[in-house]
Amino acid sequence: MEKQTNATTKPELNKKPSQASFKRGGKKFLHKKVCNLCLQGVIHVDYKNVELLTRYIAPNGKILPRRITGLCAKHQRMIANAIKRARIVALLPFVKE
């Protein structure tokens, strides 16, 4: 009698989903997002860095929330303040139409 390997008898349980969330039995499980600015070692967010700031603005001009961007609270506050300053200096628009 041949011995079967675990890979053929059981599906892999440790596979991570490709999306941010998935449903199992009616419950929604979220895997934690990691702050990109913490990984890059950003200490200060400059309002003149328009390329960075536009990644955190929705197509209609709103500032994206933490649950979507995955930023930590400290960097989310820095991004929000930098976006507001860039809008006042006219580097970013208040509203996109």
PDB file of N, CA and C in Angstrom:
ATOM      1  N   MET A   1       0.837  -1.181   0.000  1.00  0.00           N
ATOM      2  CA  MET A   1       0.000   0.000   0.000  1.00  0.00           C
ATOM      3  C   MET A   1       0.881   1.244   0.000  1.00  0.00           C
ATOM      4  N   GLU A   2       0.587   2.170  -0.909  1.00  0.00           N
ATOM      5  CA  GLU A   2       1.396   3.372  -1.035  1.00  0.00           C
ATOM      6  C   GLU A   2       0.941   4.425  -0.036  1.00  0.00           C
ATOM      7  N   LYS A   3       1.905   5.156   0.434  1.00  0.00           N
ATOM      8  CA  LYS A   3       1.619   6.227   1.370  1.00  0.00           C
ATOM      9  C   LYS A   3       1.363   7.522   0.587  1.00  0.00           C
ATOM     10  N   GLN A   4       0.235   8.174   0.874  1.00  0.00           N
ATOM     11  CA  GLN A   4      -0.095   9.401   0.172  1.00  0.00           C
ATOM     12  C   GLN A   4       0.524  10.587   0.898  1.00  0.00           C
ATOM     13  N   THR A   5       0.950  11.554   0.120  1.00  0.00           N
ATOM     14  CA  THR A   5       1.516  12.759   0.724  1.00  0.00           C
ATOM     15  C   THR A   5       0.401  13.687   1.172  1.00  0.00           C
ATOM     16  N   ASN A   6       0.738  14.589   2.066  1.00  0.00           N
ATOM     17  CA  ASN A   6      -0.253  15.541   2.581  1.00  0.00           C
ATOM     18  C   ASN A   6      -0.742  16.492   1.502  1.00  0.00           C
ATOM     19  N   ALA A   7       0.090  16.761   0.515  1.00  0.00           N
ATOM     20  CA  ALA A   7      -0.281  17.721  -0.527  1.00  0.00           C
ATOM     21  C   ALA A   7      -1.431  17.196  -1.385  1.00  0.00           C
ATOM     22  N   THR A   8      -1.514  15.871  -1.554  1.00  0.00           N
ATOM     23  CA  THR A   8      -2.582  15.335  -2.385  1.00  0.00           C
ATOM     24  C   THR A   8      -3.857  15.096  -1.601  1.00  0.00           C
ATOM     25  N   THR A   9      -3.746  14.890  -0.299  1.00  0.00           N
ATOM     26  CA  THR A   9      -4.939  14.600   0.479  1.00  0.00           C
ATOM     27  C   THR A   9      -5.621  15.856   1.011  1.00  0.00           C
ATOM     28  N   LYS A  10      -4.850  16.871   1.387  1.00  0.00           N
ATOM     29  CA  LYS A  10      -5.420  18.081   1.969  1.00  0.00           C
ATOM     30  C   LYS A  10      -5.055  19.294   1.125  1.00  0.00           C
ATOM     31  N   PRO A  11      -5.985  20.211   0.941  1.00  0.00           N
ATOM     32  CA  PRO A  11      -5.615  21.466   0.259  1.00  0.00           C
ATOM     33  C   PRO A  11      -4.768  22.309   1.203  1.00  0.00           C
ATOM     34  N   GLU A  12      -3.984  23.191   0.621  1.00  0.00           N
ATOM     35  CA  GLU A  12      -3.135  24.048   1.444  1.00  0.00           C
ATOM     36  C   GLU A  12      -3.998  25.066   2.172  1.00  0.00           C
ATOM     37  N   LEU A  13      -3.825  25.124   3.485  1.00  0.00           N
ATOM     38  CA  LEU A  13      -4.619  26.033   4.294  1.00  0.00           C
ATOM     39  C   LEU A  13      -3.914  27.366   4.520  1.00  0.00           C
ATOM     40  N   ASN A  14      -2.623  27.424   4.277  1.00  0.00           N
ATOM     41  CA  ASN A  14      -1.856  28.628   4.570  1.00  0.00           C
ATOM     42  C   ASN A  14      -1.752  29.576   3.389  1.00  0.00           C
ATOM     43  N   LYS A  15      -2.516  29.357   2.351  1.00  0.00           N
ATOM     44  CA  LYS A  15      -2.485  30.258   1.203  1.00  0.00           C
ATOM     45  C   LYS A  15      -3.153  31.573   1.573  1.00  0.00           C
ATOM     46  N   LYS A  16      -2.514  32.670   1.206  1.00  0.00           N
ATOM     47  CA  LYS A  16      -3.091  33.988   1.470  1.00  0.00           C
ATOM     48  C   LYS A  16      -3.898  34.418   0.258  1.00  0.00           C
ATOM     49  N   PRO A  17      -4.996  35.138   0.473  1.00  0.00           N
ATOM     50  CA  PRO A  17      -5.814  35.579  -0.649  1.00  0.00           C
ATOM     51  C   PRO A  17      -5.107  36.672  -1.430  1.00  0.00           C
ATOM     52  N   SER A  18      -5.464  36.782  -2.693  1.00  0.00           N
ATOM     53  CA  SER A  18      -4.850  37.807  -3.533  1.00  0.00           C
ATOM     54  C   SER A  18      -5.494  39.165  -3.298  1.00  0.00           C
ATOM     55  N   GLN A  19      -6.697  39.188  -2.743  1.00  0.00           N
ATOM     56  CA  GLN A  19      -7.388  40.439  -2.490  1.00  0.00           C
ATOM     57  C   GLN A  19      -7.210  40.848  -1.040  1.00  0.00           C
ATOM     58  N   ALA A  20      -7.701  42.027  -0.700  1.00  0.00           N
ATOM     59  CA  ALA A  20      -7.560  42.539   0.654  1.00  0.00           C
ATOM     60  C   ALA A  20      -8.502  41.821   1.624  1.00  0.00           C
ATOM     61  N   SER A  21      -9.595  41.300   1.143  1.00  0.00           N
ATOM     62  CA  SER A  21     -10.529  40.629   2.038  1.00  0.00           C
ATOM     63  C   SER A  21     -11.168  39.446   1.320  1.00  0.00           C
ATOM     64  N   PHE A  22     -11.665  38.524   2.102  1.00  0.00           N
ATOM     65  CA  PHE A  22     -12.384  37.393   1.539  1.00  0.00           C
ATOM     66  C   PHE A  22     -13.417  36.933   2.551  1.00  0.00           C
ATOM     67  N   LYS A  23     -14.406  36.191   2.083  1.00  0.00           N
ATOM     68  CA  LYS A  23     -15.466  35.730   2.970  1.00  0.00           C
ATOM     69  C   LYS A  23     -15.353  34.235   3.186  1.00  0.00           C
ATOM     70  N   ARG A  24     -15.604  33.826   4.418  1.00  0.00           N
ATOM     71  CA  ARG A  24     -15.641  32.408   4.746  1.00  0.00           C
ATOM     72  C   ARG A  24     -16.758  32.217   5.772  1.00  0.00           C
ATOM     73  N   GLY A  25     -17.795  31.546   5.379  1.00  0.00           N
ATOM     74  CA  GLY A  25     -18.889  31.268   6.294  1.00  0.00           C
ATOM     75  C   GLY A  25     -19.642  32.504   6.740  1.00  0.00           C
ATOM     76  N   GLY A  26     -19.735  33.517   5.903  1.00  0.00           N
ATOM     77  CA  GLY A  26     -20.491  34.706   6.249  1.00  0.00           C
ATOM     78  C   GLY A  26     -19.690  35.740   7.008  1.00  0.00           C
ATOM     79  N   LYS A  27     -18.488  35.397   7.476  1.00  0.00           N
ATOM     80  CA  LYS A  27     -17.665  36.364   8.196  1.00  0.00           C
ATOM     81  C   LYS A  27     -16.632  36.945   7.246  1.00  0.00           C
ATOM     82  N   LYS A  28     -16.312  38.207   7.449  1.00  0.00           N
ATOM     83  CA  LYS A  28     -15.353  38.874   6.579  1.00  0.00           C
ATOM     84  C   LYS A  28     -14.015  38.999   7.311  1.00  0.00           C
ATOM     85  N   PHE A  29     -12.954  38.495   6.709  1.00  0.00           N
ATOM     86  CA  PHE A  29     -11.628  38.560   7.290  1.00  0.00           C
ATOM     87  C   PHE A  29     -10.780  39.532   6.484  1.00  0.00           C
ATOM     88  N   LEU A  30     -10.087  40.409   7.161  1.00  0.00           N
ATOM     89  CA  LEU A  30      -9.209  41.370   6.500  1.00  0.00           C
ATOM     90  C   LEU A  30      -7.777  41.085   6.912  1.00  0.00           C
ATOM     91  N   HIS A  31      -6.860  41.112   5.945  1.00  0.00           N
ATOM     92  CA  HIS A  31      -5.472  41.024   6.352  1.00  0.00           C
ATOM     93  C   HIS A  31      -4.915  42.430   6.411  1.00  0.00           C
ATOM     94  N   LYS A  32      -4.059  42.659   7.382  1.00  0.00           N
ATOM     95  CA  LYS A  32      -3.597  43.994   7.699  1.00  0.00           C
ATOM     96  C   LYS A  32      -2.708  44.555   6.600  1.00  0.00           C
ATOM     97  N   LYS A  33      -2.963  45.816   6.243  1.00  0.00           N
ATOM     98  CA  LYS A  33      -2.130  46.495   5.269  1.00  0.00           C
ATOM     99  C   LYS A  33      -0.937  47.107   6.001  1.00  0.00           C
ATOM    100  N   VAL A  34       0.153  47.232   5.294  1.00  0.00           N
ATOM    101  CA  VAL A  34       1.370  47.778   5.881  1.00  0.00           C
ATOM    102  C   VAL A  34       1.576  49.183   5.338  1.00  0.00           C
ATOM    103  N   CYS A  35       1.985  50.093   6.208  1.00  0.00           N
ATOM    104  CA  CYS A  35       2.206  51.484   5.822  1.00  0.00           C
ATOM    105  C   CYS A  35       3.421  51.571   4.902  1.00  0.00           C
ATOM    106  N   ASN A  36       3.203  52.042   3.665  1.00  0.00           N
ATOM    107  CA  ASN A  36       4.296  52.153   2.700  1.00  0.00           C
ATOM    108  C   ASN A  36       5.326  53.196   3.126  1.00  0.00           C
ATOM    109  N   LEU A  37       4.873  54.256   3.761  1.00  0.00           N
ATOM    110  CA  LEU A  37       5.802  55.305   4.171  1.00  0.00           C
ATOM    111  C   LEU A  37       6.694  54.840   5.320  1.00  0.00           C
ATOM    112  N   CYS A  38       6.175  53.996   6.202  1.00  0.00           N
ATOM    113  CA  CYS A  38       7.008  53.427   7.268  1.00  0.00           C
ATOM    114  C   CYS A  38       8.067  52.503   6.673  1.00  0.00           C
ATOM    115  N   LEU A  39       7.688  51.725   5.656  1.00  0.00           N
ATOM    116  CA  LEU A  39       8.646  50.824   5.022  1.00  0.00           C
ATOM    117  C   LEU A  39       9.757  51.591   4.322  1.00  0.00           C
ATOM    118  N   GLN A  40       9.423  52.749   3.733  1.00  0.00           N
ATOM    119  CA  GLN A  40      10.417  53.565   3.046  1.00  0.00           C
ATOM    120  C   GLN A  40      11.241  54.403   4.020  1.00  0.00           C
ATOM    121  N   GLY A  41      10.805  54.491   5.264  1.00  0.00           N
ATOM    122  CA  GLY A  41      11.530  55.266   6.267  1.00  0.00           C
ATOM    123  C   GLY A  41      11.302  56.763   6.151  1.00  0.00           C
ATOM    124  N   VAL A  42      10.118  57.150   5.706  1.00  0.00           N
ATOM    125  CA  VAL A  42       9.794  58.574   5.550  1.00  0.00           C
ATOM    126  C   VAL A  42       9.560  59.186   6.923  1.00  0.00           C
ATOM    127  N   ILE A  43      10.291  60.263   7.208  1.00  0.00           N
ATOM    128  CA  ILE A  43      10.143  60.953   8.489  1.00  0.00           C
ATOM    129  C   ILE A  43       9.216  62.149   8.351  1.00  0.00           C
ATOM    130  N   HIS A  44       9.324  62.851   7.224  1.00  0.00           N
ATOM    131  CA  HIS A  44       8.529  64.062   7.003  1.00  0.00           C
ATOM    132  C   HIS A  44       7.947  64.031   5.594  1.00  0.00           C
ATOM    133  N   VAL A  45       6.672  64.377   5.472  1.00  0.00           N
ATOM    134  CA  VAL A  45       6.019  64.460   4.164  1.00  0.00           C
ATOM    135  C   VAL A  45       5.976  65.926   3.761  1.00  0.00           C
ATOM    136  N   ASP A  46       6.568  66.236   2.599  1.00  0.00           N
ATOM    137  CA  ASP A  46       6.655  67.612   2.145  1.00  0.00           C
ATOM    138  C   ASP A  46       5.463  67.943   1.241  1.00  0.00           C
ATOM    139  N   TYR A  47       4.891  69.115   1.409  1.00  0.00           N
ATOM    140  CA  TYR A  47       3.732  69.500   0.598  1.00  0.00           C
ATOM    141  C   TYR A  47       4.115  69.766  -0.852  1.00  0.00           C
ATOM    142  N   LYS A  48       5.404  69.941  -1.124  1.00  0.00           N
ATOM    143  CA  LYS A  48       5.855  70.201  -2.496  1.00  0.00           C
ATOM    144  C   LYS A  48       6.026  68.924  -3.310  1.00  0.00           C
ATOM    145  N   ASN A  49       5.949  67.773  -2.671  1.00  0.00           N
ATOM    146  CA  ASN A  49       6.079  66.487  -3.356  1.00  0.00           C
ATOM    147  C   ASN A  49       4.710  66.080  -3.907  1.00  0.00           C
ATOM    148  N   VAL A  50       4.342  66.651  -5.036  1.00  0.00           N
ATOM    149  CA  VAL A  50       3.002  66.485  -5.599  1.00  0.00           C
ATOM    150  C   VAL A  50       2.782  65.045  -6.084  1.00  0.00           C
ATOM    151  N   GLU A  51       3.824  64.399  -6.594  1.00  0.00           N
ATOM    152  CA  GLU A  51       3.686  63.025  -7.090  1.00  0.00           C
ATOM    153  C   GLU A  51       3.261  62.068  -5.974  1.00  0.00           C
ATOM    154  N   LEU A  52       3.837  62.250  -4.790  1.00  0.00           N
ATOM    155  CA  LEU A  52       3.472  61.414  -3.649  1.00  0.00           C
ATOM    156  C   LEU A  52       2.043  61.713  -3.194  1.00  0.00           C
ATOM    157  N   LEU A  53       1.698  62.981  -3.146  1.00  0.00           N
ATOM    158  CA  LEU A  53       0.390  63.376  -2.618  1.00  0.00           C
ATOM    159  C   LEU A  53      -0.761  62.956  -3.529  1.00  0.00           C
ATOM    160  N   THR A  54      -0.540  62.942  -4.833  1.00  0.00           N
ATOM    161  CA  THR A  54      -1.630  62.576  -5.744  1.00  0.00           C
ATOM    162  C   THR A  54      -2.014  61.107  -5.618  1.00  0.00           C
ATOM    163  N   ARG A  55      -1.135  60.263  -5.087  1.00  0.00           N
ATOM    164  CA  ARG A  55      -1.493  58.854  -4.871  1.00  0.00           C
ATOM    165  C   ARG A  55      -2.534  58.696  -3.764  1.00  0.00           C
ATOM    166  N   TYR A  56      -2.638  59.698  -2.882  1.00  0.00           N
ATOM    167  CA  TYR A  56      -3.549  59.614  -1.746  1.00  0.00           C
ATOM    168  C   TYR A  56      -4.762  60.523  -1.912  1.00  0.00           C
ATOM    169  N   ILE A  57      -5.061  60.901  -3.155  1.00  0.00           N
ATOM    170  CA  ILE A  57      -6.240  61.706  -3.466  1.00  0.00           C
ATOM    171  C   ILE A  57      -7.129  60.899  -4.409  1.00  0.00           C
ATOM    172  N   ALA A  58      -8.425  60.866  -4.124  1.00  0.00           N
ATOM    173  CA  ALA A  58      -9.393  60.167  -4.968  1.00  0.00           C
ATOM    174  C   ALA A  58      -9.569  60.933  -6.278  1.00  0.00           C
ATOM    175  N   PRO A  59     -10.129  60.276  -7.304  1.00  0.00           N
ATOM    176  CA  PRO A  59     -10.340  60.961  -8.589  1.00  0.00           C
ATOM    177  C   PRO A  59     -11.204  62.219  -8.496  1.00  0.00           C
ATOM    178  N   ASN A  60     -12.072  62.291  -7.501  1.00  0.00           N
ATOM    179  CA  ASN A  60     -12.901  63.492  -7.364  1.00  0.00           C
ATOM    180  C   ASN A  60     -12.232  64.569  -6.503  1.00  0.00           C
ATOM    181  N   GLY A  61     -11.041  64.305  -5.968  1.00  0.00           N
ATOM    182  CA  GLY A  61     -10.296  65.306  -5.221  1.00  0.00           C
ATOM    183  C   GLY A  61     -10.290  65.125  -3.716  1.00  0.00           C
ATOM    184  N   LYS A  62     -10.994  64.127  -3.203  1.00  0.00           N
ATOM    185  CA  LYS A  62     -11.037  63.912  -1.759  1.00  0.00           C
ATOM    186  C   LYS A  62      -9.774  63.198  -1.274  1.00  0.00           C
ATOM    187  N   ILE A  63      -9.452  63.411  -0.011  1.00  0.00           N
ATOM    188  CA  ILE A  63      -8.324  62.707   0.611  1.00  0.00           C
ATOM    189  C   ILE A  63      -8.803  61.304   0.974  1.00  0.00           C
ATOM    190  N   LEU A  64      -8.053  60.287   0.550  1.00  0.00           N
ATOM    191  CA  LEU A  64      -8.454  58.906   0.812  1.00  0.00           C
ATOM    192  C   LEU A  64      -8.255  58.554   2.282  1.00  0.00           C
ATOM    193  N   PRO A  65      -9.152  57.756   2.874  1.00  0.00           N
ATOM    194  CA  PRO A  65      -9.029  57.388   4.289  1.00  0.00           C
ATOM    195  C   PRO A  65      -7.971  56.303   4.514  1.00  0.00           C
ATOM    196  N   ARG A  66      -7.630  56.118   5.775  1.00  0.00           N
ATOM    197  CA  ARG A  66      -6.605  55.143   6.168  1.00  0.00           C
ATOM    198  C   ARG A  66      -6.968  53.725   5.782  1.00  0.00           C
ATOM    199  N   ARG A  67      -8.233  53.372   5.873  1.00  0.00           N
ATOM    200  CA  ARG A  67      -8.629  51.993   5.585  1.00  0.00           C
ATOM    201  C   ARG A  67      -8.407  51.629   4.127  1.00  0.00           C
ATOM    202  N   ILE A  68      -8.338  52.629   3.260  1.00  0.00           N
ATOM    203  CA  ILE A  68      -8.081  52.380   1.844  1.00  0.00           C
ATOM    204  C   ILE A  68      -6.591  52.501   1.534  1.00  0.00           C
ATOM    205  N   THR A  69      -5.934  53.530   2.078  1.00  0.00           N
ATOM    206  CA  THR A  69      -4.524  53.745   1.766  1.00  0.00           C
ATOM    207  C   THR A  69      -3.615  52.775   2.501  1.00  0.00           C
ATOM    208  N   GLY A  70      -4.005  52.348   3.698  1.00  0.00           N
ATOM    209  CA  GLY A  70      -3.168  51.437   4.475  1.00  0.00           C
ATOM    210  C   GLY A  70      -2.068  52.145   5.240  1.00  0.00           C
ATOM    211  N   LEU A  71      -2.152  53.458   5.368  1.00  0.00           N
ATOM    212  CA  LEU A  71      -1.145  54.212   6.099  1.00  0.00           C
ATOM    213  C   LEU A  71      -1.383  54.104   7.601  1.00  0.00           C
ATOM    214  N   CYS A  72      -0.312  54.326   8.371  1.00  0.00           N
ATOM    215  CA  CYS A  72      -0.472  54.392   9.819  1.00  0.00           C
ATOM    216  C   CYS A  72      -1.051  55.771  10.162  1.00  0.00           C
ATOM    217  N   ALA A  73      -1.484  55.954  11.397  1.00  0.00           N
ATOM    218  CA  ALA A  73      -2.157  57.189  11.794  1.00  0.00           C
ATOM    219  C   ALA A  73      -1.231  58.399  11.664  1.00  0.00           C
ATOM    220  N   LYS A  74       0.024  58.220  12.027  1.00  0.00           N
ATOM    221  CA  LYS A  74       0.976  59.334  11.976  1.00  0.00           C
ATOM    222  C   LYS A  74       1.183  59.813  10.540  1.00  0.00           C
ATOM    223  N   HIS A  75       1.397  58.881   9.626  1.00  0.00           N
ATOM    224  CA  HIS A  75       1.634  59.265   8.238  1.00  0.00           C
ATOM    225  C   HIS A  75       0.351  59.752   7.558  1.00  0.00           C
ATOM    226  N   GLN A  76      -0.795  59.232   7.959  1.00  0.00           N
ATOM    227  CA  GLN A  76      -2.057  59.718   7.393  1.00  0.00           C
ATOM    228  C   GLN A  76      -2.277  61.182   7.757  1.00  0.00           C
ATOM    229  N   ARG A  77      -1.957  61.555   8.999  1.00  0.00           N
ATOM    230  CA  ARG A  77      -2.072  62.959   9.407  1.00  0.00           C
ATOM    231  C   ARG A  77      -1.102  63.831   8.618  1.00  0.00           C
ATOM    232  N   MET A  78       0.132  63.343   8.428  1.00  0.00           N
ATOM    233  CA  MET A  78       1.112  64.113   7.647  1.00  0.00           C
ATOM    234  C   MET A  78       0.651  64.311   6.206  1.00  0.00           C
ATOM    235  N   ILE A  79       0.118  63.244   5.602  1.00  0.00           N
ATOM    236  CA  ILE A  79      -0.366  63.318   4.216  1.00  0.00           C
ATOM    237  C   ILE A  79      -1.527  64.301   4.119  1.00  0.00           C
ATOM    238  N   ALA A  80      -2.474  64.227   5.073  1.00  0.00           N
ATOM    239  CA  ALA A  80      -3.639  65.114   5.035  1.00  0.00           C
ATOM    240  C   ALA A  80      -3.220  66.575   5.156  1.00  0.00           C
ATOM    241  N   ASN A  81      -2.313  66.869   6.073  1.00  0.00           N
ATOM    242  CA  ASN A  81      -1.848  68.248   6.241  1.00  0.00           C
ATOM    243  C   ASN A  81      -1.075  68.726   5.017  1.00  0.00           C
ATOM    244  N   ALA A  82      -0.265  67.857   4.436  1.00  0.00           N
ATOM    245  CA  ALA A  82       0.509  68.237   3.253  1.00  0.00           C
ATOM    246  C   ALA A  82      -0.411  68.495   2.060  1.00  0.00           C
ATOM    247  N   ILE A  83      -1.461  67.684   1.911  1.00  0.00           N
ATOM    248  CA  ILE A  83      -2.422  67.898   0.822  1.00  0.00           C
ATOM    249  C   ILE A  83      -3.144  69.230   1.001  1.00  0.00           C
ATOM    250  N   LYS A  84      -3.537  69.531   2.230  1.00  0.00           N
ATOM    251  CA  LYS A  84      -4.229  70.799   2.494  1.00  0.00           C
ATOM    252  C   LYS A  84      -3.325  72.001   2.218  1.00  0.00           C
ATOM    253  N   ARG A  85      -2.049  71.889   2.593  1.00  0.00           N
ATOM    254  CA  ARG A  85      -1.107  72.976   2.320  1.00  0.00           C
ATOM    255  C   ARG A  85      -0.860  73.130   0.823  1.00  0.00           C
ATOM    256  N   ALA A  86      -0.736  72.004   0.118  1.00  0.00           N
ATOM    257  CA  ALA A  86      -0.505  72.058  -1.327  1.00  0.00           C
ATOM    258  C   ALA A  86      -1.706  72.655  -2.052  1.00  0.00           C
ATOM    259  N   ARG A  87      -2.897  72.431  -1.535  1.00  0.00           N
ATOM    260  CA  ARG A  87      -4.090  73.026  -2.142  1.00  0.00           C
ATOM    261  C   ARG A  87      -4.083  74.541  -1.975  1.00  0.00           C
ATOM    262  N   ILE A  88      -3.680  75.018  -0.800  1.00  0.00           N
ATOM    263  CA  ILE A  88      -3.671  76.459  -0.540  1.00  0.00           C
ATOM    264  C   ILE A  88      -2.648  77.163  -1.427  1.00  0.00           C
ATOM    265  N   VAL A  89      -1.502  76.510  -1.659  1.00  0.00           N
ATOM    266  CA  VAL A  89      -0.444  77.099  -2.478  1.00  0.00           C
ATOM    267  C   VAL A  89      -0.709  76.854  -3.963  1.00  0.00           C
ATOM    268  N   ALA A  90      -1.799  76.188  -4.283  1.00  0.00           N
ATOM    269  CA  ALA A  90      -2.250  75.913  -5.656  1.00  0.00           C
ATOM    270  C   ALA A  90      -1.370  74.900  -6.384  1.00  0.00           C
ATOM    271  N   LEU A  91      -0.757  73.960  -5.646  1.00  0.00           N
ATOM    272  CA  LEU A  91      -0.040  72.854  -6.280  1.00  0.00           C
ATOM    273  C   LEU A  91      -0.989  71.709  -6.608  1.00  0.00           C
ATOM    274  N   LEU A  92      -2.083  71.606  -5.840  1.00  0.00           N
ATOM    275  CA  LEU A  92      -3.112  70.597  -6.063  1.00  0.00           C
ATOM    276  C   LEU A  92      -4.472  71.284  -6.145  1.00  0.00           C
ATOM    277  N   PRO A  93      -5.384  70.739  -6.934  1.00  0.00           N
ATOM    278  CA  PRO A  93      -6.721  71.343  -6.998  1.00  0.00           C
ATOM    279  C   PRO A  93      -7.574  70.930  -5.796  1.00  0.00           C
ATOM    280  N   PHE A  94      -8.508  71.797  -5.434  1.00  0.00           N
ATOM    281  CA  PHE A  94      -9.445  71.455  -4.361  1.00  0.00           C
ATOM    282  C   PHE A  94     -10.440  70.407  -4.844  1.00  0.00           C
ATOM    283  N   VAL A  95     -10.930  70.568  -6.087  1.00  0.00           N
ATOM    284  CA  VAL A  95     -11.929  69.677  -6.651  1.00  0.00           C
ATOM    285  C   VAL A  95     -11.525  69.330  -8.064  1.00  0.00           C
ATOM    286  N   LYS A  96     -11.651  68.051  -8.409  1.00  0.00           N
ATOM    287  CA  LYS A  96     -11.425  67.619  -9.800  1.00  0.00           C
ATOM    288  C   LYS A  96     -12.779  67.328 -10.420  1.00  0.00           C
ATOM    289  N   GLU A  97     -13.010  67.834 -11.607  1.00  0.00           N
ATOM    290  CA  GLU A  97     -14.294  67.614 -12.252  1.00  0.00           C
ATOM    291  C   GLU A  97     -14.161  66.715 -13.441  1.00  0.00           C
TER     292      GLU A  97
END
